[in-house]
Amino acid sequence: MHYIYKIEYLNDSQYGFAPQKNTTDAAMAVTQFIEPELEKGKVVIMASLDVKGAFDAAWWPAILK
């Protein structure tokens, strides 16, 4: 994990499994993204998925690639 963070391999928008980032950080990022659009009177639609066990069944060679 140290190497991954050292070379900045992960996207800044990665909140899950990231040290010192949590659900509150993710919610604040969403708020900062949608608030200006709502102030302009636009409609914002958001879909959020939390698939239980998704990483348990994932094919890790493809994810790592």
PDB file of N, CA and C in Angstrom:
ATOM      1  N   MET A   1       0.821  -1.189   0.000  1.00  0.00           N
ATOM      2  CA  MET A   1       0.000   0.000   0.000  1.00  0.00           C
ATOM      3  C   MET A   1       0.869   1.258   0.000  1.00  0.00           C
ATOM      4  N   HIS A   2       1.985   1.186   0.712  1.00  0.00           N
ATOM      5  CA  HIS A   2       2.868   2.353   0.748  1.00  0.00           C
ATOM      6  C   HIS A   2       3.308   2.728  -0.659  1.00  0.00           C
ATOM      7  N   TYR A   3       3.667   1.737  -1.453  1.00  0.00           N
ATOM      8  CA  TYR A   3       4.124   2.004  -2.820  1.00  0.00           C
ATOM      9  C   TYR A   3       3.018   2.631  -3.669  1.00  0.00           C
ATOM     10  N   ILE A   4       1.809   2.118  -3.537  1.00  0.00           N
ATOM     11  CA  ILE A   4       0.676   2.647  -4.317  1.00  0.00           C
ATOM     12  C   ILE A   4       0.452   4.125  -4.007  1.00  0.00           C
ATOM     13  N   TYR A   5       0.540   4.485  -2.741  1.00  0.00           N
ATOM     14  CA  TYR A   5       0.346   5.888  -2.376  1.00  0.00           C
ATOM     15  C   TYR A   5       1.566   6.736  -2.736  1.00  0.00           C
ATOM     16  N   LYS A   6       2.733   6.145  -2.643  1.00  0.00           N
ATOM     17  CA  LYS A   6       3.961   6.874  -2.975  1.00  0.00           C
ATOM     18  C   LYS A   6       3.970   7.307  -4.444  1.00  0.00           C
ATOM     19  N   ILE A   7       3.539   6.411  -5.345  1.00  0.00           N
ATOM     20  CA  ILE A   7       3.543   6.746  -6.776  1.00  0.00           C
ATOM     21  C   ILE A   7       2.232   7.402  -7.212  1.00  0.00           C
ATOM     22  N   GLU A   8       1.357   7.682  -6.248  1.00  0.00           N
ATOM     23  CA  GLU A   8       0.068   8.330  -6.506  1.00  0.00           C
ATOM     24  C   GLU A   8      -0.735   7.595  -7.573  1.00  0.00           C
ATOM     25  N   TYR A   9      -0.854   6.282  -7.395  1.00  0.00           N
ATOM     26  CA  TYR A   9      -1.538   5.413  -8.347  1.00  0.00           C
ATOM     27  C   TYR A   9      -3.053   5.550  -8.271  1.00  0.00           C
ATOM     28  N   LEU A  10      -3.578   5.827  -7.080  1.00  0.00           N
ATOM     29  CA  LEU A  10      -5.026   5.926  -6.913  1.00  0.00           C
ATOM     30  C   LEU A  10      -5.530   7.316  -7.268  1.00  0.00           C
ATOM     31  N   ASN A  11      -6.747   7.366  -7.763  1.00  0.00           N
ATOM     32  CA  ASN A  11      -7.411   8.619  -8.089  1.00  0.00           C
ATOM     33  C   ASN A  11      -7.783   9.346  -6.799  1.00  0.00           C
ATOM     34  N   ASP A  12      -7.744  10.671  -6.826  1.00  0.00           N
ATOM     35  CA  ASP A  12      -8.123  11.456  -5.649  1.00  0.00           C
ATOM     36  C   ASP A  12      -9.581  11.237  -5.258  1.00  0.00           C
ATOM     37  N   SER A  13     -10.384  10.767  -6.187  1.00  0.00           N
ATOM     38  CA  SER A  13     -11.802  10.514  -5.911  1.00  0.00           C
ATOM     39  C   SER A  13     -12.043   9.153  -5.273  1.00  0.00           C
ATOM     40  N   GLN A  14     -10.988   8.425  -4.974  1.00  0.00           N
ATOM     41  CA  GLN A  14     -11.111   7.115  -4.324  1.00  0.00           C
ATOM     42  C   GLN A  14     -11.310   7.350  -2.827  1.00  0.00           C
ATOM     43  N   TYR A  15     -12.437   6.909  -2.295  1.00  0.00           N
ATOM     44  CA  TYR A  15     -12.708   7.088  -0.874  1.00  0.00           C
ATOM     45  C   TYR A  15     -12.712   5.766  -0.123  1.00  0.00           C
ATOM     46  N   GLY A  16     -13.179   4.707  -0.751  1.00  0.00           N
ATOM     47  CA  GLY A  16     -13.194   3.407  -0.101  1.00  0.00           C
ATOM     48  C   GLY A  16     -11.789   2.843   0.019  1.00  0.00           C
ATOM     49  N   PHE A  17     -11.481   2.289   1.163  1.00  0.00           N
ATOM     50  CA  PHE A  17     -10.196   1.659   1.436  1.00  0.00           C
ATOM     51  C   PHE A  17      -9.027   2.636   1.323  1.00  0.00           C
ATOM     52  N   ALA A  18      -9.288   3.914   1.466  1.00  0.00           N
ATOM     53  CA  ALA A  18      -8.233   4.923   1.411  1.00  0.00           C
ATOM     54  C   ALA A  18      -8.004   5.457   2.822  1.00  0.00           C
ATOM     55  N   PRO A  19      -6.764   5.475   3.269  1.00  0.00           N
ATOM     56  CA  PRO A  19      -6.510   5.959   4.626  1.00  0.00           C
ATOM     57  C   PRO A  19      -6.871   7.439   4.769  1.00  0.00           C
ATOM     58  N   GLN A  20      -7.442   7.764   5.907  1.00  0.00           N
ATOM     59  CA  GLN A  20      -7.819   9.118   6.268  1.00  0.00           C
ATOM     60  C   GLN A  20      -8.881   9.721   5.338  1.00  0.00           C
ATOM     61  N   LYS A  21      -9.647   8.867   4.666  1.00  0.00           N
ATOM     62  CA  LYS A  21     -10.803   9.298   3.893  1.00  0.00           C
ATOM     63  C   LYS A  21     -11.977   8.442   4.331  1.00  0.00           C
ATOM     64  N   ASN A  22     -13.155   9.062   4.398  1.00  0.00           N
ATOM     65  CA  ASN A  22     -14.302   8.301   4.871  1.00  0.00           C
ATOM     66  C   ASN A  22     -15.570   8.734   4.136  1.00  0.00           C
ATOM     67  N   THR A  23     -16.691   8.233   4.595  1.00  0.00           N
ATOM     68  CA  THR A  23     -17.971   8.523   3.969  1.00  0.00           C
ATOM     69  C   THR A  23     -18.287  10.013   3.998  1.00  0.00           C
ATOM     70  N   THR A  24     -17.904  10.674   5.068  1.00  0.00           N
ATOM     71  CA  THR A  24     -18.145  12.118   5.168  1.00  0.00           C
ATOM     72  C   THR A  24     -17.394  12.865   4.075  1.00  0.00           C
ATOM     73  N   ASP A  25     -16.165  12.473   3.809  1.00  0.00           N
ATOM     74  CA  ASP A  25     -15.383  13.107   2.740  1.00  0.00           C
ATOM     75  C   ASP A  25     -16.065  12.915   1.386  1.00  0.00           C
ATOM     76  N   ALA A  26     -16.558  11.711   1.147  1.00  0.00           N
ATOM     77  CA  ALA A  26     -17.245  11.426  -0.121  1.00  0.00           C
ATOM     78  C   ALA A  26     -18.517  12.261  -0.236  1.00  0.00           C
ATOM     79  N   ALA A  27     -19.271  12.370   0.849  1.00  0.00           N
ATOM     80  CA  ALA A  27     -20.507  13.164   0.836  1.00  0.00           C
ATOM     81  C   ALA A  27     -20.203  14.639   0.588  1.00  0.00           C
ATOM     82  N   MET A  28     -19.142  15.140   1.164  1.00  0.00           N
ATOM     83  CA  MET A  28     -18.759  16.542   0.950  1.00  0.00           C
ATOM     84  C   MET A  28     -18.351  16.773  -0.505  1.00  0.00           C
ATOM     85  N   ALA A  29     -17.648  15.828  -1.110  1.00  0.00           N
ATOM     86  CA  ALA A  29     -17.248  15.954  -2.511  1.00  0.00           C
ATOM     87  C   ALA A  29     -18.481  15.996  -3.412  1.00  0.00           C
ATOM     88  N   VAL A  30     -19.460  15.161  -3.121  1.00  0.00           N
ATOM     89  CA  VAL A  30     -20.702  15.160  -3.903  1.00  0.00           C
ATOM     90  C   VAL A  30     -21.418  16.498  -3.736  1.00  0.00           C
ATOM     91  N   THR A  31     -21.479  16.982  -2.512  1.00  0.00           N
ATOM     92  CA  THR A  31     -22.137  18.263  -2.242  1.00  0.00           C
ATOM     93  C   THR A  31     -21.472  19.399  -3.019  1.00  0.00           C
ATOM     94  N   GLN A  32     -20.149  19.431  -3.024  1.00  0.00           N
ATOM     95  CA  GLN A  32     -19.428  20.479  -3.746  1.00  0.00           C
ATOM     96  C   GLN A  32     -19.648  20.379  -5.247  1.00  0.00           C
ATOM     97  N   PHE A  33     -19.911  19.190  -5.729  1.00  0.00           N
ATOM     98  CA  PHE A  33     -20.137  18.980  -7.153  1.00  0.00           C
ATOM     99  C   PHE A  33     -21.548  19.398  -7.573  1.00  0.00           C
ATOM    100  N   ILE A  34     -22.554  19.032  -6.763  1.00  0.00           N
ATOM    101  CA  ILE A  34     -23.934  19.278  -7.195  1.00  0.00           C
ATOM    102  C   ILE A  34     -24.490  20.637  -6.763  1.00  0.00           C
ATOM    103  N   GLU A  35     -23.979  21.201  -5.670  1.00  0.00           N
ATOM    104  CA  GLU A  35     -24.534  22.449  -5.148  1.00  0.00           C
ATOM    105  C   GLU A  35     -24.553  23.581  -6.180  1.00  0.00           C
ATOM    106  N   PRO A  36     -23.470  23.818  -6.920  1.00  0.00           N
ATOM    107  CA  PRO A  36     -23.522  24.896  -7.918  1.00  0.00           C
ATOM    108  C   PRO A  36     -24.573  24.659  -9.003  1.00  0.00           C
ATOM    109  N   GLU A  37     -24.776  23.413  -9.376  1.00  0.00           N
ATOM    110  CA  GLU A  37     -25.777  23.097 -10.398  1.00  0.00           C
ATOM    111  C   GLU A  37     -27.192  23.343  -9.872  1.00  0.00           C
ATOM    112  N   LEU A  38     -27.426  22.984  -8.622  1.00  0.00           N
ATOM    113  CA  LEU A  38     -28.734  23.235  -8.024  1.00  0.00           C
ATOM    114  C   LEU A  38     -28.998  24.734  -7.911  1.00  0.00           C
ATOM    115  N   GLU A  39     -27.957  25.496  -7.583  1.00  0.00           N
ATOM    116  CA  GLU A  39     -28.106  26.950  -7.486  1.00  0.00           C
ATOM    117  C   GLU A  39     -28.446  27.575  -8.845  1.00  0.00           C
ATOM    118  N   LYS A  40     -28.023  26.919  -9.930  1.00  0.00           N
ATOM    119  CA  LYS A  40     -28.352  27.385 -11.281  1.00  0.00           C
ATOM    120  C   LYS A  40     -29.751  26.956 -11.699  1.00  0.00           C
ATOM    121  N   GLY A  41     -30.433  26.183 -10.837  1.00  0.00           N
ATOM    122  CA  GLY A  41     -31.772  25.723 -11.140  1.00  0.00           C
ATOM    123  C   GLY A  41     -31.803  24.448 -11.965  1.00  0.00           C
ATOM    124  N   LYS A  42     -30.663  23.793 -12.099  1.00  0.00           N
ATOM    125  CA  LYS A  42     -30.617  22.547 -12.875  1.00  0.00           C
ATOM    126  C   LYS A  42     -31.068  21.371 -12.024  1.00  0.00           C
ATOM    127  N   VAL A  43     -31.473  20.327 -12.693  1.00  0.00           N
ATOM    128  CA  VAL A  43     -31.866  19.089 -12.029  1.00  0.00           C
ATOM    129  C   VAL A  43     -30.638  18.197 -11.949  1.00  0.00           C
ATOM    130  N   VAL A  44     -30.396  17.632 -10.795  1.00  0.00           N
ATOM    131  CA  VAL A  44     -29.253  16.738 -10.598  1.00  0.00           C
ATOM    132  C   VAL A  44     -29.776  15.367 -10.206  1.00  0.00           C
ATOM    133  N   ILE A  45     -29.308  14.358 -10.895  1.00  0.00           N
ATOM    134  CA  ILE A  45     -29.692  12.975 -10.590  1.00  0.00           C
ATOM    135  C   ILE A  45     -28.428  12.213 -10.213  1.00  0.00           C
ATOM    136  N   MET A  46     -28.519  11.440  -9.158  1.00  0.00           N
ATOM    137  CA  MET A  46     -27.357  10.688  -8.695  1.00  0.00           C
ATOM    138  C   MET A  46     -27.763   9.250  -8.409  1.00  0.00           C
ATOM    139  N   ALA A  47     -26.932   8.348  -8.824  1.00  0.00           N
ATOM    140  CA  ALA A  47     -27.142   6.932  -8.499  1.00  0.00           C
ATOM    141  C   ALA A  47     -25.923   6.455  -7.720  1.00  0.00           C
ATOM    142  N   SER A  48     -26.159   5.748  -6.659  1.00  0.00           N
ATOM    143  CA  SER A  48     -25.076   5.237  -5.828  1.00  0.00           C
ATOM    144  C   SER A  48     -25.316   3.758  -5.583  1.00  0.00           C
ATOM    145  N   LEU A  49     -24.301   2.968  -5.801  1.00  0.00           N
ATOM    146  CA  LEU A  49     -24.417   1.525  -5.609  1.00  0.00           C
ATOM    147  C   LEU A  49     -23.421   1.043  -4.572  1.00  0.00           C
ATOM    148  N   ASP A  50     -23.860   0.162  -3.736  1.00  0.00           N
ATOM    149  CA  ASP A  50     -22.976  -0.516  -2.786  1.00  0.00           C
ATOM    150  C   ASP A  50     -23.270  -1.998  -2.947  1.00  0.00           C
ATOM    151  N   VAL A  51     -22.473  -2.656  -3.743  1.00  0.00           N
ATOM    152  CA  VAL A  51     -22.723  -4.055  -4.073  1.00  0.00           C
ATOM    153  C   VAL A  51     -22.002  -4.934  -3.057  1.00  0.00           C
ATOM    154  N   LYS A  52     -22.783  -5.594  -2.227  1.00  0.00           N
ATOM    155  CA  LYS A  52     -22.220  -6.439  -1.184  1.00  0.00           C
ATOM    156  C   LYS A  52     -21.431  -7.601  -1.801  1.00  0.00           C
ATOM    157  N   GLY A  53     -20.207  -7.743  -1.386  1.00  0.00           N
ATOM    158  CA  GLY A  53     -19.374  -8.845  -1.854  1.00  0.00           C
ATOM    159  C   GLY A  53     -18.821  -8.666  -3.257  1.00  0.00           C
ATOM    160  N   ALA A  54     -18.932  -7.474  -3.819  1.00  0.00           N
ATOM    161  CA  ALA A  54     -18.481  -7.254  -5.201  1.00  0.00           C
ATOM    162  C   ALA A  54     -17.004  -7.567  -5.368  1.00  0.00           C
ATOM    163  N   PHE A  55     -16.188  -7.169  -4.416  1.00  0.00           N
ATOM    164  CA  PHE A  55     -14.752  -7.400  -4.542  1.00  0.00           C
ATOM    165  C   PHE A  55     -14.382  -8.857  -4.259  1.00  0.00           C
ATOM    166  N   ASP A  56     -15.245  -9.561  -3.553  1.00  0.00           N
ATOM    167  CA  ASP A  56     -14.983 -10.975  -3.287  1.00  0.00           C
ATOM    168  C   ASP A  56     -15.039 -11.795  -4.568  1.00  0.00           C
ATOM    169  N   ALA A  57     -15.903 -11.375  -5.507  1.00  0.00           N
ATOM    170  CA  ALA A  57     -16.094 -12.125  -6.746  1.00  0.00           C
ATOM    171  C   ALA A  57     -15.344 -11.510  -7.925  1.00  0.00           C
ATOM    172  N   ALA A  58     -14.602 -10.446  -7.678  1.00  0.00           N
ATOM    173  CA  ALA A  58     -13.907  -9.742  -8.768  1.00  0.00           C
ATOM    174  C   ALA A  58     -12.719 -10.547  -9.276  1.00  0.00           C
ATOM    175  N   TRP A  59     -12.406 -10.370 -10.549  1.00  0.00           N
ATOM    176  CA  TRP A  59     -11.252 -11.027 -11.138  1.00  0.00           C
ATOM    177  C   TRP A  59     -10.055 -10.087 -10.939  1.00  0.00           C
ATOM    178  N   TRP A  60      -9.253 -10.356  -9.937  1.00  0.00           N
ATOM    179  CA  TRP A  60      -8.187  -9.454  -9.501  1.00  0.00           C
ATOM    180  C   TRP A  60      -7.134  -9.162 -10.553  1.00  0.00           C
ATOM    181  N   PRO A  61      -6.741 -10.086 -11.428  1.00  0.00           N
ATOM    182  CA  PRO A  61      -5.763  -9.717 -12.459  1.00  0.00           C
ATOM    183  C   PRO A  61      -6.232  -8.556 -13.338  1.00  0.00           C
ATOM    184  N   ALA A  62      -7.519  -8.510 -13.654  1.00  0.00           N
ATOM    185  CA  ALA A  62      -8.037  -7.407 -14.488  1.00  0.00           C
ATOM    186  C   ALA A  62      -8.082  -6.111 -13.696  1.00  0.00           C
ATOM    187  N   ILE A  63      -8.442  -6.188 -12.429  1.00  0.00           N
ATOM    188  CA  ILE A  63      -8.482  -4.988 -11.598  1.00  0.00           C
ATOM    189  C   ILE A  63      -7.091  -4.402 -11.444  1.00  0.00           C
ATOM    190  N   LEU A  64      -6.118  -5.232 -11.199  1.00  0.00           N
ATOM    191  CA  LEU A  64      -4.749  -4.750 -11.022  1.00  0.00           C
ATOM    192  C   LEU A  64      -4.158  -4.197 -12.317  1.00  0.00           C
ATOM    193  N   LYS A  65      -4.606  -4.763 -13.433  1.00  0.00           N
ATOM    194  CA  LYS A  65      -4.110  -4.277 -14.725  1.00  0.00           C
ATOM    195  C   LYS A  65      -4.683  -2.920 -15.023  1.00  0.00           C
TER     196      LYS A  65
END
